[in-house]
Amino acid sequence: MTAADGPNDEPTDAPRTKRGFFGWLRSFAAISIVGAALATVVLLIGVSSLLAKPSASRGVLPIDPGPLPTGADPQPESSPTDQVSASPSPSPVRVVVSRSPGVSKSPVPSASVSPLVLAPVRYEAESATASRGRTASDHAGFSGSGFVDYENVAGSYVEFAVTAPSARKVTLRIRFANGGGASRPMDILVNGTLAADDLAFPQTGGWPNWDTRTLTVTLVAGANQIRLVATNGEGGPNVDYLEVA
């Protein structure tokens, strides 16, 4: 020690200690930054891997195969045949749709529609309008409360009022008895128009023996008048009823 050196000029380690502390702090900060960067890179790699590779639960996905062909039976929702197979590789997904071989492609048969069939409607002669004829019940086998006995004169008649739900062809059934010696023909008029000319009503083998004569006529919708007119001097047969079918 020289004379110029004073008592406070001794060497000290304080600056060196400060430099060591700050150096350690800078090193720690650098390591932290590098670690955070590495963690970020690892996280990004993991996310990319998850996006590129579907999990096992995403390997098979249900898909709606679209509307079935006409007449095909719908498959249950739980059917394993309508599914999508997805490739686990990052390449574009290949969709494969399969359908059960039991699906029918035949058209559904249309339901048949039967024509409307109306039950026969019976009109008793004793309830109809008679001209030169009387209601009688002196011969057995009739329907209702009696029948109409024509007078033995041409032009005598029985007229029935018939209602039709629509304009259509119908079958008339005329129940009669003829115990005379010959046929007793009649004209059949529908709404004033001749539908049958001199329609024969032959012998039935006795007045208690009844028979049926049929013909087809056309009615209008609503009210109709059907008249049975005797055409010879013997008059008409005994008429029991008119049935419309």
C-alpha atoms as a PDB file:
ATOM      1  CA  MET A   1       0.000   0.000   0.000  1.00  0.00           C
ATOM      2  CA  THR A   2       1.323   3.343  -1.028  1.00  0.00           C
ATOM      3  CA  ALA A   3       1.072   6.547   0.810  1.00  0.00           C
ATOM      4  CA  ALA A   4      -1.494   7.831  -1.660  1.00  0.00           C
ATOM      5  CA  ASP A   5      -3.939   5.123  -0.798  1.00  0.00           C
ATOM      6  CA  GLY A   6      -6.307   5.969   1.975  1.00  0.00           C
ATOM      7  CA  PRO A   7      -8.085   3.683   4.343  1.00  0.00           C
ATOM      8  CA  ASN A   8     -11.303   3.563   2.136  1.00  0.00           C
ATOM      9  CA  ASP A   9      -9.588   2.630  -1.089  1.00  0.00           C
ATOM     10  CA  GLU A  10      -9.609  -1.154  -0.414  1.00  0.00           C
ATOM     11  CA  PRO A  11     -10.890  -3.378  -3.297  1.00  0.00           C
ATOM     12  CA  THR A  12     -14.600  -4.570  -3.059  1.00  0.00           C
ATOM     13  CA  ASP A  13     -16.759  -7.329  -4.763  1.00  0.00           C
ATOM     14  CA  ALA A  14     -20.016  -5.293  -4.834  1.00  0.00           C
ATOM     15  CA  PRO A  15     -20.025  -4.483  -8.587  1.00  0.00           C
ATOM     16  CA  ARG A  16     -19.216  -8.052  -9.410  1.00  0.00           C
ATOM     17  CA  THR A  17     -22.098  -9.281  -7.253  1.00  0.00           C
ATOM     18  CA  LYS A  18     -24.558  -6.958  -8.974  1.00  0.00           C
ATOM     19  CA  ARG A  19     -23.424  -8.041 -12.404  1.00  0.00           C
ATOM     20  CA  GLY A  20     -23.860 -11.698 -11.432  1.00  0.00           C
ATOM     21  CA  PHE A  21     -27.451 -11.192 -10.207  1.00  0.00           C
ATOM     22  CA  PHE A  22     -28.615  -9.355 -13.312  1.00  0.00           C
ATOM     23  CA  GLY A  23     -26.934 -11.917 -15.537  1.00  0.00           C
ATOM     24  CA  TRP A  24     -28.787 -14.728 -13.785  1.00  0.00           C
ATOM     25  CA  LEU A  25     -32.058 -12.796 -14.149  1.00  0.00           C
ATOM     26  CA  ARG A  26     -31.539 -12.326 -17.893  1.00  0.00           C
ATOM     27  CA  SER A  27     -30.748 -16.002 -18.308  1.00  0.00           C
ATOM     28  CA  PHE A  28     -33.942 -16.993 -16.474  1.00  0.00           C
ATOM     29  CA  ALA A  29     -36.033 -14.677 -18.643  1.00  0.00           C
ATOM     30  CA  ALA A  30     -34.505 -16.098 -21.820  1.00  0.00           C
ATOM     31  CA  ILE A  31     -35.142 -19.656 -20.676  1.00  0.00           C
ATOM     32  CA  SER A  32     -38.783 -18.788 -19.838  1.00  0.00           C
ATOM     33  CA  ILE A  33     -39.370 -17.275 -23.285  1.00  0.00           C
ATOM     34  CA  VAL A  34     -37.853 -20.301 -25.002  1.00  0.00           C
ATOM     35  CA  GLY A  35     -39.972 -22.662 -22.857  1.00  0.00           C
ATOM     36  CA  ALA A  36     -43.178 -20.760 -23.650  1.00  0.00           C
ATOM     37  CA  ALA A  37     -42.352 -20.872 -27.356  1.00  0.00           C
ATOM     38  CA  LEU A  38     -41.728 -24.612 -27.204  1.00  0.00           C
ATOM     39  CA  ALA A  39     -45.009 -25.165 -25.323  1.00  0.00           C
ATOM     40  CA  THR A  40     -46.879 -23.167 -27.964  1.00  0.00           C
ATOM     41  CA  VAL A  41     -45.303 -25.224 -30.765  1.00  0.00           C
ATOM     42  CA  VAL A  42     -46.224 -28.480 -29.013  1.00  0.00           C
ATOM     43  CA  LEU A  43     -49.811 -27.271 -28.503  1.00  0.00           C
ATOM     44  CA  LEU A  44     -50.155 -26.315 -32.169  1.00  0.00           C
ATOM     45  CA  ILE A  45     -48.790 -29.682 -33.265  1.00  0.00           C
ATOM     46  CA  GLY A  46     -51.285 -31.471 -30.988  1.00  0.00           C
ATOM     47  CA  VAL A  47     -54.263 -29.469 -32.281  1.00  0.00           C
ATOM     48  CA  SER A  48     -53.215 -30.093 -35.894  1.00  0.00           C
ATOM     49  CA  SER A  49     -52.951 -33.812 -35.186  1.00  0.00           C
ATOM     50  CA  LEU A  50     -56.432 -33.893 -33.638  1.00  0.00           C
ATOM     51  CA  LEU A  51     -57.937 -32.057 -36.592  1.00  0.00           C
ATOM     52  CA  ALA A  52     -56.210 -34.290 -39.141  1.00  0.00           C
ATOM     53  CA  LYS A  53     -57.001 -37.637 -37.457  1.00  0.00           C
ATOM     54  CA  PRO A  54     -60.641 -38.345 -36.446  1.00  0.00           C
ATOM     55  CA  SER A  55     -61.127 -40.145 -33.184  1.00  0.00           C
ATOM     56  CA  ALA A  56     -62.409 -43.696 -33.028  1.00  0.00           C
ATOM     57  CA  SER A  57     -65.908 -42.432 -32.242  1.00  0.00           C
ATOM     58  CA  ARG A  58     -65.927 -40.528 -35.556  1.00  0.00           C
ATOM     59  CA  GLY A  59     -65.062 -43.574 -37.653  1.00  0.00           C
ATOM     60  CA  VAL A  60     -68.686 -44.470 -38.541  1.00  0.00           C
ATOM     61  CA  LEU A  61     -71.272 -41.748 -38.962  1.00  0.00           C
ATOM     62  CA  PRO A  62     -75.012 -42.221 -39.753  1.00  0.00           C
ATOM     63  CA  ILE A  63     -76.259 -40.588 -42.931  1.00  0.00           C
ATOM     64  CA  ASP A  64     -79.649 -40.059 -44.472  1.00  0.00           C
ATOM     65  CA  PRO A  65     -79.530 -41.970 -47.804  1.00  0.00           C
ATOM     66  CA  GLY A  66     -82.323 -39.830 -49.189  1.00  0.00           C
ATOM     67  CA  PRO A  67     -85.894 -40.786 -50.088  1.00  0.00           C
ATOM     68  CA  LEU A  68     -86.542 -44.459 -50.759  1.00  0.00           C
ATOM     69  CA  PRO A  69     -87.813 -45.586 -54.189  1.00  0.00           C
ATOM     70  CA  THR A  70     -91.575 -45.631 -54.642  1.00  0.00           C
ATOM     71  CA  GLY A  71     -93.083 -48.596 -52.800  1.00  0.00           C
ATOM     72  CA  ALA A  72     -89.962 -49.272 -50.700  1.00  0.00           C
ATOM     73  CA  ASP A  73     -90.378 -50.126 -47.043  1.00  0.00           C
ATOM     74  CA  PRO A  74     -88.638 -47.599 -44.778  1.00  0.00           C
ATOM     75  CA  GLN A  75     -85.721 -49.033 -42.757  1.00  0.00           C
ATOM     76  CA  PRO A  76     -85.652 -48.612 -38.954  1.00  0.00           C
ATOM     77  CA  GLU A  77     -83.490 -45.845 -37.603  1.00  0.00           C
ATOM     78  CA  SER A  78     -81.337 -48.439 -35.837  1.00  0.00           C
ATOM     79  CA  SER A  79     -80.586 -50.364 -39.050  1.00  0.00           C
ATOM     80  CA  PRO A  80     -76.817 -50.805 -39.489  1.00  0.00           C
ATOM     81  CA  THR A  81     -77.129 -50.925 -43.281  1.00  0.00           C
ATOM     82  CA  ASP A  82     -77.556 -47.178 -43.851  1.00  0.00           C
ATOM     83  CA  GLN A  83     -74.238 -45.867 -42.560  1.00  0.00           C
ATOM     84  CA  VAL A  84     -71.196 -43.880 -43.710  1.00  0.00           C
ATOM     85  CA  SER A  85     -67.701 -45.331 -43.590  1.00  0.00           C
ATOM     86  CA  ALA A  86     -65.149 -42.514 -43.081  1.00  0.00           C
ATOM     87  CA  SER A  87     -61.464 -43.057 -43.750  1.00  0.00           C
ATOM     88  CA  PRO A  88     -59.318 -41.997 -40.751  1.00  0.00           C
ATOM     89  CA  SER A  89     -56.606 -40.558 -43.030  1.00  0.00           C
ATOM     90  CA  PRO A  90     -56.335 -36.797 -43.582  1.00  0.00           C
ATOM     91  CA  SER A  91     -57.274 -37.307 -47.240  1.00  0.00           C
ATOM     92  CA  PRO A  92     -60.827 -36.321 -48.370  1.00  0.00           C
ATOM     93  CA  VAL A  93     -63.516 -38.458 -46.733  1.00  0.00           C
ATOM     94  CA  ARG A  94     -64.905 -41.240 -48.959  1.00  0.00           C
ATOM     95  CA  VAL A  95     -68.605 -41.796 -48.355  1.00  0.00           C
ATOM     96  CA  VAL A  96     -70.050 -45.289 -48.907  1.00  0.00           C
ATOM     97  CA  VAL A  97     -73.812 -45.727 -48.601  1.00  0.00           C
ATOM     98  CA  SER A  98     -75.220 -49.249 -48.488  1.00  0.00           C
ATOM     99  CA  ARG A  99     -78.839 -50.323 -48.536  1.00  0.00           C
ATOM    100  CA  SER A 100     -80.410 -53.563 -47.386  1.00  0.00           C
ATOM    101  CA  PRO A 101     -80.966 -56.000 -50.287  1.00  0.00           C
ATOM    102  CA  GLY A 102     -84.463 -56.670 -49.002  1.00  0.00           C
ATOM    103  CA  VAL A 103     -85.813 -53.272 -50.088  1.00  0.00           C
ATOM    104  CA  SER A 104     -88.609 -53.700 -52.622  1.00  0.00           C
ATOM    105  CA  LYS A 105     -88.759 -51.375 -55.608  1.00  0.00           C
ATOM    106  CA  SER A 106     -92.120 -52.546 -56.903  1.00  0.00           C
ATOM    107  CA  PRO A 107     -94.894 -49.901 -56.958  1.00  0.00           C
ATOM    108  CA  VAL A 108     -97.527 -49.939 -54.240  1.00  0.00           C
ATOM    109  CA  PRO A 109    -100.705 -51.509 -55.654  1.00  0.00           C
ATOM    110  CA  SER A 110    -103.605 -49.102 -55.825  1.00  0.00           C
ATOM    111  CA  ALA A 111    -106.713 -49.904 -53.838  1.00  0.00           C
ATOM    112  CA  SER A 112    -109.657 -51.090 -55.884  1.00  0.00           C
ATOM    113  CA  VAL A 113    -112.826 -49.038 -55.605  1.00  0.00           C
ATOM    114  CA  SER A 114    -116.126 -50.869 -55.869  1.00  0.00           C
ATOM    115  CA  PRO A 115    -119.034 -49.075 -57.532  1.00  0.00           C
ATOM    116  CA  LEU A 116    -121.814 -47.871 -55.283  1.00  0.00           C
ATOM    117  CA  VAL A 117    -124.562 -50.470 -55.128  1.00  0.00           C
ATOM    118  CA  LEU A 118    -127.922 -49.279 -53.826  1.00  0.00           C
ATOM    119  CA  ALA A 119    -130.305 -51.675 -52.119  1.00  0.00           C
ATOM    120  CA  PRO A 120    -133.553 -52.345 -53.999  1.00  0.00           C
ATOM    121  CA  VAL A 121    -136.432 -50.051 -53.060  1.00  0.00           C
ATOM    122  CA  ARG A 122    -139.943 -51.503 -53.044  1.00  0.00           C
ATOM    123  CA  TYR A 123    -143.077 -49.494 -53.852  1.00  0.00           C
ATOM    124  CA  GLU A 124    -146.358 -51.198 -52.953  1.00  0.00           C
ATOM    125  CA  ALA A 125    -149.093 -50.956 -55.605  1.00  0.00           C
ATOM    126  CA  GLU A 126    -151.812 -50.268 -53.016  1.00  0.00           C
ATOM    127  CA  SER A 127    -149.921 -47.076 -52.049  1.00  0.00           C
ATOM    128  CA  ALA A 128    -149.579 -45.888 -55.671  1.00  0.00           C
ATOM    129  CA  THR A 129    -152.017 -43.873 -57.817  1.00  0.00           C
ATOM    130  CA  ALA A 130    -154.517 -46.057 -59.701  1.00  0.00           C
ATOM    131  CA  SER A 131    -156.870 -45.109 -62.530  1.00  0.00           C
ATOM    132  CA  ARG A 132    -159.737 -47.520 -63.111  1.00  0.00           C
ATOM    133  CA  GLY A 133    -158.289 -50.031 -60.698  1.00  0.00           C
ATOM    134  CA  ARG A 134    -158.997 -50.996 -57.095  1.00  0.00           C
ATOM    135  CA  THR A 135    -157.044 -52.139 -54.078  1.00  0.00           C
ATOM    136  CA  ALA A 136    -157.888 -55.776 -53.309  1.00  0.00           C
ATOM    137  CA  SER A 137    -156.729 -58.541 -50.984  1.00  0.00           C
ATOM    138  CA  ASP A 138    -158.934 -61.458 -52.052  1.00  0.00           C
ATOM    139  CA  HIS A 139    -156.065 -63.571 -53.424  1.00  0.00           C
ATOM    140  CA  ALA A 140    -153.274 -64.849 -51.179  1.00  0.00           C
ATOM    141  CA  GLY A 141    -149.531 -64.431 -51.599  1.00  0.00           C
ATOM    142  CA  PHE A 142    -149.340 -60.641 -51.990  1.00  0.00           C
ATOM    143  CA  SER A 143    -146.889 -58.290 -50.245  1.00  0.00           C
ATOM    144  CA  GLY A 144    -147.946 -55.452 -47.963  1.00  0.00           C
ATOM    145  CA  SER A 145    -151.658 -54.883 -47.350  1.00  0.00           C
ATOM    146  CA  GLY A 146    -152.964 -55.829 -50.801  1.00  0.00           C
ATOM    147  CA  PHE A 147    -152.588 -55.397 -54.567  1.00  0.00           C
ATOM    148  CA  VAL A 148    -154.186 -53.466 -57.443  1.00  0.00           C
ATOM    149  CA  ASP A 149    -156.870 -55.211 -59.526  1.00  0.00           C
ATOM    150  CA  TYR A 150    -157.208 -53.507 -62.947  1.00  0.00           C
ATOM    151  CA  GLU A 151    -160.634 -53.019 -64.451  1.00  0.00           C
ATOM    152  CA  ASN A 152    -161.162 -54.922 -67.684  1.00  0.00           C
ATOM    153  CA  VAL A 153    -160.583 -51.897 -69.887  1.00  0.00           C
ATOM    154  CA  ALA A 154    -157.711 -50.555 -71.995  1.00  0.00           C
ATOM    155  CA  GLY A 155    -156.020 -47.456 -70.576  1.00  0.00           C
ATOM    156  CA  SER A 156    -156.405 -48.386 -66.909  1.00  0.00           C
ATOM    157  CA  TYR A 157    -153.114 -47.898 -65.061  1.00  0.00           C
ATOM    158  CA  VAL A 158    -151.107 -47.769 -61.845  1.00  0.00           C
ATOM    159  CA  GLU A 159    -148.558 -44.946 -61.425  1.00  0.00           C
ATOM    160  CA  PHE A 160    -145.650 -45.086 -58.975  1.00  0.00           C
ATOM    161  CA  ALA A 161    -143.757 -42.044 -57.668  1.00  0.00           C
ATOM    162  CA  VAL A 162    -140.069 -42.984 -57.536  1.00  0.00           C
ATOM    163  CA  THR A 163    -137.172 -40.866 -56.246  1.00  0.00           C
ATOM    164  CA  ALA A 164    -133.631 -41.385 -57.586  1.00  0.00           C
ATOM    165  CA  PRO A 165    -130.495 -39.922 -55.919  1.00  0.00           C
ATOM    166  CA  SER A 166    -128.924 -39.344 -59.355  1.00  0.00           C
ATOM    167  CA  ALA A 167    -129.617 -39.834 -63.045  1.00  0.00           C
ATOM    168  CA  ARG A 168    -128.921 -43.499 -63.733  1.00  0.00           C
ATOM    169  CA  LYS A 169    -130.131 -46.734 -65.266  1.00  0.00           C
ATOM    170  CA  VAL A 170    -132.144 -48.991 -62.983  1.00  0.00           C
ATOM    171  CA  THR A 171    -133.842 -52.359 -63.123  1.00  0.00           C
ATOM    172  CA  LEU A 172    -137.600 -52.453 -62.572  1.00  0.00           C
ATOM    173  CA  ARG A 173    -139.135 -55.606 -61.111  1.00  0.00           C
ATOM    174  CA  ILE A 174    -142.922 -55.801 -61.418  1.00  0.00           C
ATOM    175  CA  ARG A 175    -144.585 -58.525 -59.327  1.00  0.00           C
ATOM    176  CA  PHE A 176    -147.899 -59.616 -60.847  1.00  0.00           C
ATOM    177  CA  ALA A 177    -150.461 -62.417 -61.017  1.00  0.00           C
ATOM    178  CA  ASN A 178    -152.510 -63.395 -64.095  1.00  0.00           C
ATOM    179  CA  GLY A 179    -155.148 -66.074 -63.585  1.00  0.00           C
ATOM    180  CA  GLY A 180    -156.886 -65.258 -66.898  1.00  0.00           C
ATOM    181  CA  GLY A 181    -156.790 -67.179 -70.140  1.00  0.00           C
ATOM    182  CA  ALA A 182    -154.264 -64.975 -72.009  1.00  0.00           C
ATOM    183  CA  SER A 183    -151.393 -62.537 -71.590  1.00  0.00           C
ATOM    184  CA  ARG A 184    -152.306 -59.077 -70.354  1.00  0.00           C
ATOM    185  CA  PRO A 185    -149.743 -56.704 -71.938  1.00  0.00           C
ATOM    186  CA  MET A 186    -148.984 -53.213 -70.643  1.00  0.00           C
ATOM    187  CA  ASP A 187    -147.076 -50.135 -71.805  1.00  0.00           C
ATOM    188  CA  ILE A 188    -144.409 -48.922 -69.368  1.00  0.00           C
ATOM    189  CA  LEU A 189    -143.954 -45.137 -69.318  1.00  0.00           C
ATOM    190  CA  VAL A 190    -141.174 -43.294 -67.445  1.00  0.00           C
ATOM    191  CA  ASN A 191    -141.825 -39.578 -66.961  1.00  0.00           C
ATOM    192  CA  GLY A 192    -144.328 -39.695 -69.859  1.00  0.00           C
ATOM    193  CA  THR A 193    -141.896 -41.420 -72.253  1.00  0.00           C
ATOM    194  CA  LEU A 194    -142.577 -44.931 -73.512  1.00  0.00           C
ATOM    195  CA  ALA A 195    -139.918 -47.265 -72.108  1.00  0.00           C
ATOM    196  CA  ALA A 196    -141.550 -50.590 -73.097  1.00  0.00           C
ATOM    197  CA  ASP A 197    -144.326 -51.152 -75.648  1.00  0.00           C
ATOM    198  CA  ASP A 198    -146.894 -53.894 -75.045  1.00  0.00           C
ATOM    199  CA  LEU A 199    -144.718 -55.669 -72.511  1.00  0.00           C
ATOM    200  CA  ALA A 200    -146.212 -59.148 -72.043  1.00  0.00           C
ATOM    201  CA  PHE A 201    -147.489 -60.297 -68.646  1.00  0.00           C
ATOM    202  CA  PRO A 202    -148.282 -63.968 -69.283  1.00  0.00           C
ATOM    203  CA  GLN A 203    -150.500 -66.370 -67.356  1.00  0.00           C
ATOM    204  CA  THR A 204    -149.213 -67.455 -63.948  1.00  0.00           C
ATOM    205  CA  GLY A 205    -151.518 -70.473 -63.489  1.00  0.00           C
ATOM    206  CA  GLY A 206    -153.935 -68.810 -61.072  1.00  0.00           C
ATOM    207  CA  TRP A 207    -154.555 -65.503 -59.291  1.00  0.00           C
ATOM    208  CA  PRO A 208    -152.762 -66.574 -56.077  1.00  0.00           C
ATOM    209  CA  ASN A 209    -149.645 -67.447 -58.133  1.00  0.00           C
ATOM    210  CA  TRP A 210    -147.245 -64.533 -58.448  1.00  0.00           C
ATOM    211  CA  ASP A 211    -144.399 -63.932 -60.914  1.00  0.00           C
ATOM    212  CA  THR A 212    -141.921 -61.120 -61.681  1.00  0.00           C
ATOM    213  CA  ARG A 213    -141.314 -59.185 -64.918  1.00  0.00           C
ATOM    214  CA  THR A 214    -138.101 -57.148 -65.257  1.00  0.00           C
ATOM    215  CA  LEU A 215    -136.852 -54.367 -67.546  1.00  0.00           C
ATOM    216  CA  THR A 216    -134.175 -51.650 -67.543  1.00  0.00           C
ATOM    217  CA  VAL A 217    -135.049 -47.949 -67.698  1.00  0.00           C
ATOM    218  CA  THR A 218    -133.284 -44.614 -67.124  1.00  0.00           C
ATOM    219  CA  LEU A 219    -134.339 -42.325 -64.290  1.00  0.00           C
ATOM    220  CA  VAL A 220    -133.552 -38.663 -63.767  1.00  0.00           C
ATOM    221  CA  ALA A 221    -132.176 -37.303 -60.507  1.00  0.00           C
ATOM    222  CA  GLY A 222    -135.020 -36.576 -58.119  1.00  0.00           C
ATOM    223  CA  ALA A 223    -138.715 -37.333 -58.751  1.00  0.00           C
ATOM    224  CA  ASN A 224    -139.828 -39.816 -61.421  1.00  0.00           C
ATOM    225  CA  GLN A 225    -143.234 -41.196 -62.455  1.00  0.00           C
ATOM    226  CA  ILE A 226    -143.484 -44.794 -63.648  1.00  0.00           C
ATOM    227  CA  ARG A 227    -146.851 -45.729 -65.131  1.00  0.00           C
ATOM    228  CA  LEU A 228    -148.090 -49.254 -66.019  1.00  0.00           C
ATOM    229  CA  VAL A 229    -150.901 -48.911 -68.624  1.00  0.00           C
ATOM    230  CA  ALA A 230    -153.127 -51.778 -69.783  1.00  0.00           C
ATOM    231  CA  THR A 231    -153.277 -51.995 -73.609  1.00  0.00           C
ATOM    232  CA  ASN A 232    -156.221 -54.364 -74.254  1.00  0.00           C
ATOM    233  CA  GLY A 233    -159.804 -54.759 -73.158  1.00  0.00           C
ATOM    234  CA  GLU A 234    -158.953 -57.367 -70.499  1.00  0.00           C
ATOM    235  CA  GLY A 235    -157.095 -54.713 -68.507  1.00  0.00           C
ATOM    236  CA  GLY A 236    -153.811 -55.390 -66.783  1.00  0.00           C
ATOM    237  CA  PRO A 237    -152.800 -58.214 -64.442  1.00  0.00           C
ATOM    238  CA  ASN A 238    -153.055 -57.884 -60.690  1.00  0.00           C
ATOM    239  CA  VAL A 239    -149.988 -55.839 -59.621  1.00  0.00           C
ATOM    240  CA  ASP A 240    -148.454 -56.423 -56.181  1.00  0.00           C
ATOM    241  CA  TYR A 241    -145.465 -54.037 -56.158  1.00  0.00           C
ATOM    242  CA  LEU A 242    -142.760 -52.288 -58.175  1.00  0.00           C
ATOM    243  CA  GLU A 243    -139.161 -52.775 -57.057  1.00  0.00           C
ATOM    244  CA  VAL A 244    -136.356 -50.451 -58.231  1.00  0.00           C
ATOM    245  CA  ALA A 245    -132.755 -51.699 -58.112  1.00  0.00           C
END
